[in-house]
Structures are given as C-alpha cells and as structure tokens.
Protein backbone atom coordinates (compact mmCIF):
# COMPACT_ATOMS: atom_id res chain seq x y z
CA UNK A 1 75.99 -20.44 -58.75
CA UNK A 2 77.27 -18.24 -55.93
CA UNK A 3 73.80 -18.13 -54.52
CA UNK A 4 74.07 -22.31 -54.48
CA UNK A 5 77.60 -22.04 -53.15
CA UNK A 6 76.73 -19.84 -50.13
CA UNK A 7 73.41 -21.96 -49.44
CA UNK A 8 75.70 -25.30 -49.42
CA UNK A 9 78.15 -23.31 -47.07
CA UNK A 10 75.55 -22.08 -44.77
CA UNK A 11 73.84 -25.72 -44.90
CA UNK A 12 77.12 -27.58 -43.67
CA UNK A 13 77.75 -24.74 -41.03
CA UNK A 14 74.54 -25.22 -39.66
CA UNK A 15 75.04 -28.64 -39.77
CA UNK A 16 78.51 -28.29 -37.74
CA UNK A 17 77.13 -25.89 -35.25
CA UNK A 18 74.01 -28.72 -34.41
CA UNK A 19 76.72 -31.26 -34.12
CA UNK A 20 78.54 -29.19 -31.83
CA UNK A 21 75.62 -27.84 -30.02
CA UNK A 22 74.53 -31.59 -29.01
CA UNK A 23 78.24 -32.62 -28.15
CA UNK A 24 78.20 -29.81 -25.67
CA UNK A 25 74.51 -31.00 -24.58
CA UNK A 26 75.79 -34.61 -24.20
CA UNK A 27 78.84 -33.33 -21.99
CA UNK A 28 77.01 -31.07 -20.05
CA UNK A 29 74.36 -34.00 -19.41
CA UNK A 30 77.26 -36.68 -18.65
CA UNK A 31 78.74 -34.08 -15.86
CA UNK A 32 75.49 -33.59 -14.23
CA UNK A 33 74.75 -37.15 -14.21
CA UNK A 34 78.07 -37.91 -12.77
CA UNK A 35 78.16 -35.03 -10.34
CA UNK A 36 74.42 -36.53 -9.31
CA UNK A 37 75.44 -40.31 -8.81
CA UNK A 38 79.31 -40.79 -8.49
CA UNK A 39 80.90 -40.11 -5.12
CA UNK A 40 83.83 -37.68 -5.08
CA UNK A 41 87.07 -39.37 -5.06
CA UNK A 42 89.86 -38.97 -2.57
CA UNK A 43 91.25 -41.01 0.36
CA UNK A 44 88.78 -41.73 3.04
CA UNK A 45 88.52 -39.63 6.33
CA UNK A 46 90.59 -40.66 9.36
CA UNK A 47 92.46 -43.27 7.24
CA UNK A 48 89.54 -45.09 6.06
CA UNK A 49 89.97 -48.49 3.82
CA UNK A 50 89.14 -46.67 0.15
CA UNK A 51 87.56 -49.30 -2.39
CA UNK A 52 87.63 -48.14 -6.11
CA UNK A 53 84.90 -49.65 -8.34
CA UNK A 54 85.67 -49.64 -11.97
CA UNK A 55 83.63 -50.71 -15.07
CA UNK A 56 80.80 -49.49 -17.32
CA UNK A 57 77.10 -49.01 -16.70
CA UNK A 58 76.81 -51.98 -14.36
CA UNK A 59 79.28 -50.18 -12.32
CA UNK A 60 77.38 -46.67 -12.80
CA UNK A 61 74.21 -48.15 -11.75
CA UNK A 62 72.16 -47.93 -14.62
CA UNK A 63 68.59 -49.50 -13.46
CA UNK A 64 68.67 -48.59 -9.75
CA UNK A 65 67.95 -44.84 -8.36
CA UNK A 66 70.90 -42.80 -7.25
CA UNK A 67 73.04 -44.16 -4.70
CA UNK A 68 71.60 -47.79 -5.05
CA UNK A 69 73.91 -49.46 -7.39
CA UNK A 70 76.27 -51.54 -5.90
CA UNK A 71 78.93 -49.32 -4.97
CA UNK A 72 76.66 -47.08 -2.94
CA UNK A 73 75.10 -50.32 -1.42
CA UNK A 74 78.48 -51.82 -0.47
CA UNK A 75 79.73 -48.75 1.27
CA UNK A 76 76.75 -48.82 3.72
CA UNK A 77 76.92 -52.61 4.28
CA UNK A 78 80.64 -52.31 5.17
CA UNK A 79 80.21 -49.12 7.51
CA UNK A 80 77.15 -51.10 9.18
CA UNK A 81 79.22 -54.27 9.86
CA UNK A 82 82.31 -52.66 10.50
CA UNK A 83 81.42 -49.19 11.96
CA UNK A 84 80.62 -46.04 10.60
CA UNK A 85 83.53 -44.14 8.47
CA UNK A 86 85.73 -47.14 8.16
CA UNK A 87 85.20 -47.75 4.50
CA UNK A 88 84.91 -45.35 1.50
CA UNK A 89 83.84 -46.96 -1.67
CA UNK A 90 84.57 -44.45 -4.91
CA UNK A 91 82.35 -45.19 -7.84
CA UNK A 92 84.14 -44.89 -11.44
CA UNK A 93 81.90 -46.32 -13.33
CA UNK A 94 81.35 -45.06 -16.96
CA UNK A 95 78.70 -45.94 -19.12
CA UNK A 96 79.55 -47.86 -22.57
CA UNK A 97 83.36 -47.95 -21.56
CA UNK A 98 85.24 -51.03 -22.58
CA UNK A 99 88.58 -52.87 -21.06
CA UNK A 100 90.64 -50.80 -23.18
CA UNK A 101 89.30 -47.28 -22.04
CA UNK A 102 89.36 -48.21 -18.63
CA UNK A 103 93.12 -49.18 -18.82
CA UNK A 104 93.63 -45.99 -20.50
CA UNK A 105 91.88 -43.95 -17.57
CA UNK A 106 93.46 -46.36 -15.04
CA UNK A 107 96.73 -44.76 -13.77
CA UNK A 108 94.65 -41.48 -13.33
CA UNK A 109 92.13 -43.01 -11.49
CA UNK A 110 94.70 -44.92 -9.28
CA UNK A 111 96.67 -41.74 -8.55
CA UNK A 112 93.56 -39.85 -7.66
CA UNK A 113 92.02 -42.17 -5.23
CA UNK A 114 95.01 -44.02 -3.86
CA UNK A 115 92.57 -47.10 -2.96
CA UNK A 116 93.18 -50.04 -1.04
CA UNK A 117 91.02 -52.21 -2.96
CA UNK A 118 90.06 -52.24 -6.92
CA UNK A 119 87.10 -54.00 -7.96
CA UNK A 120 86.74 -54.00 -11.82
CA UNK A 121 83.31 -55.70 -13.62
CA UNK A 122 84.29 -54.99 -17.49
CA UNK A 123 84.62 -56.62 -20.57
CA UNK A 124 80.69 -56.53 -21.98
CA UNK A 125 81.20 -53.37 -24.05
CA UNK A 126 84.10 -54.97 -26.00
CA UNK A 127 81.68 -56.79 -28.21
CA UNK A 128 80.61 -53.28 -29.42
CA UNK A 129 82.83 -50.74 -28.75
CA UNK A 130 86.00 -51.59 -30.54
CA UNK A 131 88.04 -48.70 -29.08
CA UNK A 132 91.56 -49.88 -28.65
CA UNK A 133 91.15 -53.10 -30.35
CA UNK A 134 93.17 -52.46 -33.51
CA UNK A 135 96.51 -51.69 -31.02
CA UNK A 136 95.58 -55.29 -29.40
CA UNK A 137 95.18 -57.12 -32.33
CA UNK A 138 98.56 -55.61 -33.96
CA UNK A 139 96.86 -54.25 -36.79
CA UNK A 140 96.18 -50.80 -36.17
CA UNK A 141 95.19 -49.03 -39.16
CA UNK A 142 94.52 -45.20 -40.26
CA UNK A 143 90.82 -46.09 -39.80
CA UNK A 144 90.99 -48.09 -36.50
CA UNK A 145 93.21 -44.91 -35.18
CA UNK A 146 90.37 -42.92 -36.77
CA UNK A 147 87.54 -44.95 -34.66
CA UNK A 148 89.75 -44.79 -31.36
CA UNK A 149 89.82 -40.70 -32.09
CA UNK A 150 86.32 -40.50 -32.82
CA UNK A 151 85.30 -42.70 -29.90
CA UNK A 152 86.21 -39.37 -27.56
CA UNK A 153 83.47 -37.67 -29.45
CA UNK A 154 80.28 -38.12 -27.73
CA UNK A 155 78.00 -37.61 -30.62
CA UNK A 156 79.81 -40.12 -32.63
CA UNK A 157 79.26 -42.82 -29.84
CA UNK A 158 75.60 -41.98 -29.79
CA UNK A 159 75.37 -42.48 -33.69
CA UNK A 160 77.29 -45.85 -33.21
CA UNK A 161 75.20 -46.96 -30.31
CA UNK A 162 72.02 -46.18 -32.24
CA UNK A 163 73.41 -47.99 -35.38
CA UNK A 164 74.03 -50.60 -33.15
CA UNK A 165 70.49 -51.00 -31.97
CA UNK A 166 69.13 -50.85 -35.16
CA UNK A 167 71.40 -53.56 -36.28
CA UNK A 168 70.37 -55.67 -33.37
CA UNK A 169 66.45 -55.34 -33.93
CA UNK A 170 66.97 -55.93 -37.49
CA UNK A 171 68.94 -59.16 -36.62
CA UNK A 172 66.17 -59.93 -34.13
CA UNK A 173 63.36 -59.89 -36.28
CA UNK A 174 65.10 -62.57 -38.56
CA UNK A 175 65.82 -64.82 -35.33
CA UNK A 176 62.71 -67.32 -35.91
CA UNK A 177 60.72 -65.90 -33.34
CA UNK A 178 57.74 -65.35 -35.24
CA UNK A 179 56.39 -61.78 -37.12
CA UNK A 180 54.60 -61.23 -33.82
CA UNK A 181 57.51 -61.14 -31.66
CA UNK A 182 58.99 -57.82 -33.36
CA UNK A 183 56.17 -56.72 -35.59
CA UNK A 184 55.72 -53.29 -33.66
CA UNK A 185 59.38 -52.92 -32.24
CA UNK A 186 59.79 -49.52 -34.07
CA UNK A 187 56.63 -47.76 -33.14
CA UNK A 188 55.44 -46.02 -30.03
CA UNK A 189 53.26 -47.75 -27.19
CA UNK A 190 50.40 -45.74 -28.46
CA UNK A 191 50.60 -46.20 -31.73
CA UNK A 192 51.31 -50.31 -31.51
CA UNK A 193 48.56 -50.47 -29.17
CA UNK A 194 46.05 -48.70 -31.53
CA UNK A 195 47.13 -50.17 -34.65
CA UNK A 196 48.42 -53.84 -33.94
CA UNK A 197 46.92 -54.80 -30.43
CA UNK A 198 43.71 -53.22 -30.85
CA UNK A 199 42.93 -54.64 -34.18
CA UNK A 200 44.03 -58.57 -33.15
CA UNK A 201 41.95 -57.97 -29.81
CA UNK A 202 38.98 -57.05 -31.91
CA UNK A 203 39.56 -59.93 -34.24
CA UNK A 204 40.16 -62.54 -30.92
CA UNK A 205 36.85 -61.24 -29.71
CA UNK A 206 34.90 -61.80 -33.34
CA UNK A 207 36.95 -65.20 -33.82
CA UNK A 208 37.17 -66.81 -30.40
CA UNK A 209 37.99 -69.96 -31.45
CA UNK A 210 40.92 -68.56 -33.73
CA UNK A 211 44.07 -69.23 -31.58
CA UNK A 212 46.31 -67.30 -33.94
CA UNK A 213 45.04 -64.11 -32.54
CA UNK A 214 46.13 -65.06 -28.84
CA UNK A 215 49.30 -65.98 -29.99
CA UNK A 216 50.12 -62.87 -31.52
CA UNK A 217 49.04 -60.97 -28.59
CA UNK A 218 50.69 -63.02 -26.22
CA UNK A 219 54.04 -62.67 -28.18
CA UNK A 220 53.69 -59.04 -28.45
CA UNK A 221 53.47 -58.52 -24.59
CA UNK A 222 56.24 -61.14 -23.97
CA UNK A 223 58.56 -59.10 -26.54
CA UNK A 224 57.77 -56.26 -24.17
CA UNK A 225 58.53 -58.24 -21.05
CA UNK A 226 55.10 -57.46 -20.02
CA UNK A 227 54.52 -61.07 -18.69
CA UNK A 228 51.38 -60.86 -16.96
CA UNK A 229 49.36 -59.54 -20.08
CA UNK A 230 51.47 -62.23 -22.11
CA UNK A 231 50.60 -65.35 -19.69
CA UNK A 232 46.99 -63.84 -19.76
CA UNK A 233 46.79 -64.14 -23.60
CA UNK A 234 48.28 -67.44 -23.69
CA UNK A 235 45.87 -68.70 -21.20
CA UNK A 236 42.72 -67.30 -23.01
CA UNK A 237 43.80 -69.15 -25.91
CA UNK A 238 44.35 -72.37 -24.02
CA UNK A 239 40.63 -71.83 -22.86
CA UNK A 240 39.27 -71.75 -26.61
CA UNK A 241 41.88 -74.34 -27.42
CA UNK A 242 43.11 -76.62 -24.27
CA UNK A 243 45.23 -78.90 -26.66
CA UNK A 244 47.31 -75.86 -28.52
CA UNK A 245 50.69 -76.92 -28.30
CA UNK A 246 51.73 -73.53 -29.41
CA UNK A 247 49.96 -71.63 -26.98
CA UNK A 248 51.80 -73.89 -24.44
CA UNK A 249 54.93 -73.31 -26.03
CA UNK A 250 53.95 -69.56 -25.30
CA UNK A 251 53.09 -70.05 -21.66
CA UNK A 252 56.80 -72.10 -21.40
CA UNK A 253 58.36 -69.37 -22.76
CA UNK A 254 57.11 -66.86 -20.46
CA UNK A 255 58.23 -68.74 -17.36
CA UNK A 256 61.80 -69.09 -19.07
CA UNK A 257 62.49 -65.14 -19.26
CA UNK A 258 60.76 -65.04 -15.86
CA UNK A 259 63.81 -67.20 -14.63
CA UNK A 260 61.07 -69.82 -13.68
CA UNK A 261 62.61 -72.77 -15.35
CA UNK A 262 61.07 -75.59 -13.56
CA UNK A 263 57.50 -74.31 -14.59
CA UNK A 264 58.90 -73.60 -17.98
CA UNK A 265 60.07 -77.20 -18.63
CA UNK A 266 56.65 -78.43 -17.77
CA UNK A 267 54.78 -76.60 -19.85
CA UNK A 268 57.08 -77.31 -22.97
CA UNK A 269 57.36 -81.37 -21.83
CA UNK A 270 53.27 -81.14 -21.62
CA UNK A 271 53.36 -79.52 -25.00
CA UNK A 272 55.72 -82.32 -26.88
CA UNK A 273 53.42 -84.85 -25.13
CA UNK A 274 50.38 -83.06 -26.79
CA UNK A 275 51.89 -82.85 -30.01
CA UNK A 276 55.55 -84.33 -30.47
CA UNK A 277 55.62 -83.09 -34.10
CA UNK A 278 55.64 -79.41 -33.45
CA UNK A 279 59.03 -77.99 -32.93
CA UNK A 280 58.63 -74.80 -30.86
CA UNK A 281 58.56 -76.87 -27.55
CA UNK A 282 62.08 -78.67 -27.95
CA UNK A 283 63.15 -75.21 -28.84
CA UNK A 284 61.66 -73.91 -25.75
CA UNK A 285 63.23 -76.43 -23.67
CA UNK A 286 66.81 -75.56 -25.34
CA UNK A 287 66.22 -72.13 -24.48
CA UNK A 288 66.09 -73.04 -20.79
CA UNK A 289 69.43 -74.92 -20.91
CA UNK A 290 70.82 -71.98 -22.96
CA UNK A 291 69.42 -69.67 -19.85
CA UNK A 292 71.16 -71.87 -17.45
CA UNK A 293 74.75 -72.04 -19.28
CA UNK A 294 73.87 -75.75 -19.98
CA UNK A 295 75.15 -75.71 -24.11
CA UNK A 296 75.37 -79.54 -24.37
CA UNK A 297 71.80 -79.94 -23.30
CA UNK A 298 70.53 -77.14 -25.34
CA UNK A 299 72.42 -78.44 -28.21
CA UNK A 300 70.87 -82.02 -28.13
CA UNK A 301 67.22 -80.37 -27.61
CA UNK A 302 67.76 -78.02 -30.65
CA UNK A 303 68.53 -81.43 -32.91
CA UNK A 304 65.18 -82.61 -31.42
CA UNK A 305 63.57 -79.46 -32.73
CA UNK A 306 64.97 -79.93 -36.21
CA UNK A 307 64.57 -83.56 -36.10
CA UNK A 308 60.55 -83.46 -34.97
CA UNK A 309 59.80 -80.41 -37.14
CA UNK A 310 62.16 -79.63 -40.17
CA UNK A 311 59.84 -77.44 -42.07
CA UNK A 312 59.19 -75.40 -38.93
CA UNK A 313 60.73 -72.74 -36.62
CA UNK A 314 64.81 -73.02 -36.72
CA UNK A 315 67.31 -72.40 -33.97
CA UNK A 316 68.13 -68.87 -34.46
CA UNK A 317 72.02 -67.73 -35.30
CA UNK A 318 72.27 -65.62 -32.06
CA UNK A 319 72.03 -68.59 -29.83
CA UNK A 320 74.05 -70.91 -32.25
CA UNK A 321 76.66 -68.25 -31.81
CA UNK A 322 76.36 -68.04 -28.30
CA UNK A 323 77.22 -71.56 -27.85
CA UNK A 324 80.21 -71.36 -30.34
CA UNK A 325 81.67 -68.85 -27.96
CA UNK A 326 80.59 -70.81 -24.73
CA UNK A 327 82.08 -73.97 -25.39
CA UNK A 328 85.56 -72.19 -26.93
CA UNK A 329 88.38 -74.79 -28.20
CA UNK A 330 86.58 -78.20 -26.90
CA UNK A 331 87.05 -80.11 -29.96
CA UNK A 332 84.25 -82.45 -29.33
CA UNK A 333 81.76 -79.37 -28.10
CA UNK A 334 82.61 -77.75 -31.45
CA UNK A 335 81.95 -80.98 -33.45
CA UNK A 336 78.87 -81.57 -31.84
CA UNK A 337 77.60 -77.74 -32.82
CA UNK A 338 79.14 -78.32 -36.41
CA UNK A 339 76.74 -81.41 -36.56
CA UNK A 340 73.96 -79.38 -35.27
CA UNK A 341 74.31 -76.72 -37.60
CA UNK A 342 74.86 -78.88 -40.71
CA UNK A 343 71.29 -80.49 -39.66
CA UNK A 344 69.92 -76.88 -39.51
CA UNK A 345 71.25 -75.94 -43.00
CA UNK A 346 69.84 -78.97 -44.47
CA UNK A 347 66.58 -78.28 -42.99
CA UNK A 348 66.94 -74.42 -44.53
CA UNK A 349 67.24 -75.95 -47.93
CA UNK A 350 64.29 -77.97 -47.39
CA UNK A 351 62.18 -75.07 -46.47
CA UNK A 352 63.94 -73.24 -49.69
CA UNK A 353 64.06 -69.94 -47.62
CA UNK A 354 65.77 -67.75 -49.80
CA UNK A 355 69.23 -66.31 -48.56
CA UNK A 356 68.43 -67.70 -44.95
CA UNK A 357 71.13 -70.59 -45.18
CA UNK A 358 73.79 -68.41 -45.71
CA UNK A 359 72.69 -65.59 -43.71
CA UNK A 360 71.33 -67.50 -40.72
CA UNK A 361 73.14 -70.72 -40.58
CA UNK A 362 76.86 -70.26 -42.03
CA UNK A 363 77.68 -70.01 -38.08
CA UNK A 364 80.42 -73.35 -38.64
CA UNK A 365 83.66 -72.06 -37.09
CA UNK A 366 85.57 -73.31 -40.19
CA UNK A 367 82.95 -71.60 -42.62
CA UNK A 368 82.15 -68.30 -41.12
CA UNK A 369 84.82 -67.61 -38.61
CA UNK A 370 82.52 -66.45 -35.88
CA UNK A 371 83.92 -69.12 -33.19
CA UNK A 372 87.54 -67.43 -33.96
CA UNK A 373 86.10 -63.94 -34.07
CA UNK A 374 84.93 -64.70 -30.28
CA UNK A 375 87.65 -66.26 -29.10
CA UNK A 376 89.78 -63.23 -30.44
CA UNK A 377 87.52 -60.70 -28.29
CA UNK A 378 87.89 -62.92 -25.40
CA UNK A 379 91.51 -62.88 -25.76
CA UNK A 380 91.37 -58.70 -26.06
CA UNK A 381 89.37 -59.02 -22.64
CA UNK A 382 91.76 -61.52 -21.01
CA UNK A 383 94.88 -59.33 -22.18
CA UNK A 384 93.26 -55.85 -21.07
CA UNK A 385 92.44 -57.46 -17.77
CA UNK A 386 95.83 -58.82 -17.34
CA UNK A 387 97.24 -55.11 -17.94
CA UNK A 388 94.88 -53.64 -15.12
CA UNK A 389 95.87 -56.59 -12.59
CA UNK A 390 99.72 -55.80 -13.22
CA UNK A 391 99.12 -52.03 -13.23
CA UNK A 392 97.26 -52.80 -9.73
CA UNK A 393 99.69 -55.07 -8.22
CA UNK A 394 102.69 -52.79 -9.06
CA UNK A 395 101.50 -50.03 -7.08
CA UNK A 396 100.61 -52.36 -4.15
CA UNK A 397 96.73 -52.43 -4.70
CA UNK A 398 94.61 -55.33 -4.23
CA UNK A 399 92.48 -56.35 -7.01
CA UNK A 400 89.11 -57.90 -7.48
CA UNK A 401 87.24 -58.96 -10.33
CA UNK A 402 83.41 -59.86 -10.95
CA UNK A 403 81.55 -61.36 -13.59
CA UNK A 404 78.41 -59.71 -14.76
CA UNK A 405 74.98 -60.77 -13.37
CA UNK A 406 73.54 -61.24 -16.30
CA UNK A 407 76.15 -62.29 -18.91
CA UNK A 408 78.95 -64.77 -18.78
CA UNK A 409 82.33 -63.56 -20.09
CA UNK A 410 84.60 -66.38 -19.54
CA UNK A 411 87.68 -64.14 -20.25
CA UNK A 412 86.84 -62.75 -16.52
CA UNK A 413 87.36 -66.25 -14.92
CA UNK A 414 90.31 -66.86 -17.02
CA UNK A 415 91.83 -63.62 -15.84
CA UNK A 416 91.42 -64.17 -12.20
CA UNK A 417 92.95 -67.76 -12.69
CA UNK A 418 95.85 -66.26 -14.96
CA UNK A 419 96.85 -63.55 -12.59
CA UNK A 420 95.54 -64.97 -9.12
CA UNK A 421 92.90 -62.11 -8.36
CA UNK A 422 89.84 -62.80 -6.20
CA UNK A 423 86.87 -63.50 -8.07
CA UNK A 424 83.33 -62.71 -7.14
CA UNK A 425 81.21 -64.85 -10.04
CA UNK A 426 77.97 -63.00 -9.54
CA UNK A 427 76.78 -64.48 -12.96
CA UNK A 428 77.18 -67.79 -10.95
CA UNK A 429 75.07 -66.67 -8.04
CA UNK A 430 72.37 -65.39 -9.89
CA UNK A 431 72.04 -68.64 -12.14
CA UNK A 432 71.57 -70.45 -8.95
CA UNK A 433 68.81 -68.11 -7.82
CA UNK A 434 67.12 -68.64 -11.19
CA UNK A 435 67.63 -72.38 -10.69
CA UNK A 436 65.82 -72.52 -7.30
CA UNK A 437 62.76 -70.63 -8.80
CA UNK A 438 63.58 -66.90 -8.28
CA UNK A 439 62.11 -64.27 -10.59
CA UNK A 440 64.19 -62.19 -12.63
CA UNK A 441 61.74 -59.40 -12.62
CA UNK A 442 62.45 -59.34 -8.93
CA UNK A 443 66.11 -58.21 -9.19
CA UNK A 444 66.33 -56.79 -13.14
CA UNK A 445 65.22 -53.77 -14.58
CA UNK A 446 62.29 -55.28 -16.74
CA UNK A 447 62.34 -52.12 -19.53
CA UNK A 448 66.19 -53.18 -20.30
CA UNK A 449 65.18 -56.96 -21.00
CA UNK A 450 66.62 -58.51 -17.60
CA UNK A 451 70.12 -56.80 -18.70
CA UNK A 452 70.92 -54.27 -15.87
CA UNK A 453 70.15 -54.89 -12.33
CA UNK A 454 67.50 -52.90 -10.23
CA UNK A 455 68.47 -51.87 -6.77
CA UNK A 456 67.62 -55.17 -5.34
CA UNK A 457 70.08 -57.09 -7.90
CA UNK A 458 72.87 -54.56 -7.13
CA UNK A 459 72.19 -55.19 -3.38
CA UNK A 460 72.86 -58.78 -4.35
CA UNK A 461 76.24 -57.99 -6.00
CA UNK A 462 77.39 -55.95 -2.93
CA UNK A 463 76.45 -58.97 -0.63
CA UNK A 464 78.76 -60.96 -2.80
CA UNK A 465 81.39 -58.44 -2.32
CA UNK A 466 81.14 -58.40 1.20
CA UNK A 467 81.13 -62.58 1.41
CA UNK A 468 84.40 -62.64 -0.79
CA UNK A 469 86.04 -59.89 1.37
CA UNK A 470 85.22 -62.06 4.45
CA UNK A 471 86.78 -65.30 2.34
CA UNK A 472 90.03 -63.35 1.63
CA UNK A 473 90.31 -61.96 5.09
CA UNK A 474 89.97 -58.32 3.91
CA UNK A 475 87.73 -57.17 6.55
CA UNK A 476 88.78 -55.48 9.92
CA UNK A 477 88.97 -57.18 13.29
CA UNK A 478 85.64 -57.22 15.08
CA UNK A 479 83.51 -56.49 11.98
CA UNK A 480 80.32 -58.51 12.09
CA UNK A 481 79.78 -61.62 10.12
C-alpha cells in the first residue's frame, strides 16, 4: 500500500509540475508575442496625439504580419497625412479578452498611456469567455467566482478554448451540411487526403457518371476554404451531369462564402429552375441573405426550403439562433421565426430523425430561451461598454467604438447611441464591399474561416477610423484629406 501511495503521489506531482511548466511556457510565449507586436506605451514624443486601441485578437492584429494590424497601419496613415511624429498609436489588444476583462484593466491602461483618444472594439469574446458575467448577472456564486479566478490561469483558458472548439465542431457536424462537409475535421491534412480524398478521386475516375463523388470532394474542399479546388470539382461533376441541382448548389455556396453574392444567387436560382423540388438551393439563397444581414428574407427562403423539400436538408439551429439574436425583441420578427421553427419541427417529425427535433430545433424563444440568453449577453456587453465610456469620459478622454468586420454585435451600436460615442461601423463597410462583388479572400485570413482580417482588411479598418476622425474634426489643421 505504501508503494502504491508513493506512486500516486509521484503521479500527481508530475501532473502538477507539467501544468506549472505549461503555464510558464504560455506566459513566456505571451510575453514574447506582446514584446514583438505591441508598441511600448507612453505619451507621444513632443506632445504627440496619443491614440489607445483596446480590444481582443482583432486589435492585437491576429491574421496579419507584425505591425500590419489596424493600430500600426493607422499610425502610419495619420503621420503620412498630418506630418511625421504627430500621432502615436498604442496597441493594447489582448487575445480572448472580453469586455469585463477590458474594463478591469482600463484604469491601468489610461494611467499608463494618458491617451487623447481611446478606440474600443470588444464584445465578441463574451459569447464564450464568461469571466465577470456572474457579477453582471447578479448571480455571483462560488463557481462563477472560481471561474473568474481560473481565467487568470492561461492553462485553464487554453483548455476552455480547446473544449469550445471541439463543441463547435461537433455542433457543426450536425448542422445539416452533409457528412462530407465535416467528415475529416479531426484528421491531419495528409491523412485526410490519403484516406478520404484519394479514395473519392479514385472512385470518381472509375465511375465518372456518379455525381456523389464530385459532391463529396467539392464539399470537402469547401469546408477547408479551398475555393478553387471546390469549384473545380463541382464543375467537373456538372460536365458529367449538367442538370444536377445539387452540384449547382455547391457552386452557389462557393460563391457565397467568397462574398460573391450576386453570382451565388444566380447559381441557386438556376438550380431551382432545374429542380424546384430540391431544397438545398432555397437554403443557399437564405444563406446569402443571412450573410448580408437580411434576416427577414433569409427566413422567407428557409420556409421555401422546408416547403419544397420537407424530407431533405433542414436549416441548422446555429443559423436559426443567429436570426433570433439579430431580430431582438421585435414581436413581428420573433413571431415569424416561431412560425418557421414550427414548420421545421413538423418536417423533422416527418423525417423521424431520432432526437434531432428536440436537439436541433427547440430554438423558439418561449421554449428554449435562446433568444433571452442572447438578449442577456447583449445587455452584458452594453453595460460594460457603458462603464468603459463613463471611465474614459470621466478622465476627459475621447472614446470611439467600432463594430467587428466579420461579426455583427448590435450592442456595440446601442452603446454608441446610448452614450453619444462616435462609431466606426466596420461591419456595414465590409457588407457593402461584399454586396459590390468584392471577395472576402482578399481581405480576410482564409485559414480562420474569414473571421480575422489579413493586412489588407486591417488597412480598410484603419481607413474607416481615419474617415471617422475626419468627420468628428479630430485631425489637426492642415491634415491632408
């Protein structure tokens, strides 16, 4: 027994030591990253106008080379226009930081940098990083306090991120895109190519008339944002079967994900004309409108999808939830979504998909509480942004809020209106760009699913800030327009 006890003790000491080493390593890497990408803080030389940029990974510049995030590009732009050395931009973006953590660190940032202007882009991480939520919600418990304390430990944050990523992938695998869409998600690229794609390519060459192989390969590449290859395989399938509406739907989805919405609509409309009984193209049109923030039109086309093909692919819960979150408390819009969900649930019952109805489609606000949860999350972001605005204004600092380029968080706009803060609406600017036919791949990092900008995308954000500073008369006299 003594030997067993010693072995157990040694085992747990080893785990503890490994965790301590991992924590130390993460902190060292974080310090190296910070030292390499974040300018040192401090008032600008010679009385320069100091701009403090606060936020999460978007402010830190994730997705772009060092110095090519929007803070670095903004400093160069301002000094090119106004005269070298007149502006100093300080980047205090921290990956994974939510609004509560930003608020907690705000006084230190302000005291350290003494900025003239504070630019804040925050709120996205609140959806998964719940540090500080218990205090806001008035339901602080031992466990919420423990969670807040553990969030200071980087190993814990890493584990939570990995767990959230796994949950996202599992949820995505049930989203109705088909097995091929996420079939190889957990394999390395080499293994996936060897096992799945090589086999499917062989089968397609042996059976050139079988369109299912072209579909499988096309969706495989689409799921990995390899658009040219996806489009190539869907097109090969269409040469073998020119009237296959499923392959046409695949082409439309490629265009949609690339932000080529006009072309996407044309393909899906063509697919509907060829086979009005296939629901995928109706859903594809709905996805285009979802991407453009036109939720009422998206709901209309999802209804058409279910009506046309009640035994086929059904709209995934993740998109239904997004629509509930977008329409907020609008009674007519919520009623319309409730009717859509009723129709989806009826179709799910018809399909007799075991467990799917409750799991995937109990999204009605009055049944699952998804709408109220999202509304509460928006209230949390709004509350924290209000406190941040009050703290800046209390010190005589000008504050500017920004929406994200790829995710629309309405609470940011609400905060700008409520607290009379200038707003840079990046989301609206980028949506207009997609509507005009520009491609997401030119402005976003493909590997991250068009979430974070690349250097060109951050340049657009820097331009947007400059334009807002010009509108608000924040630029020195004589600055080039």
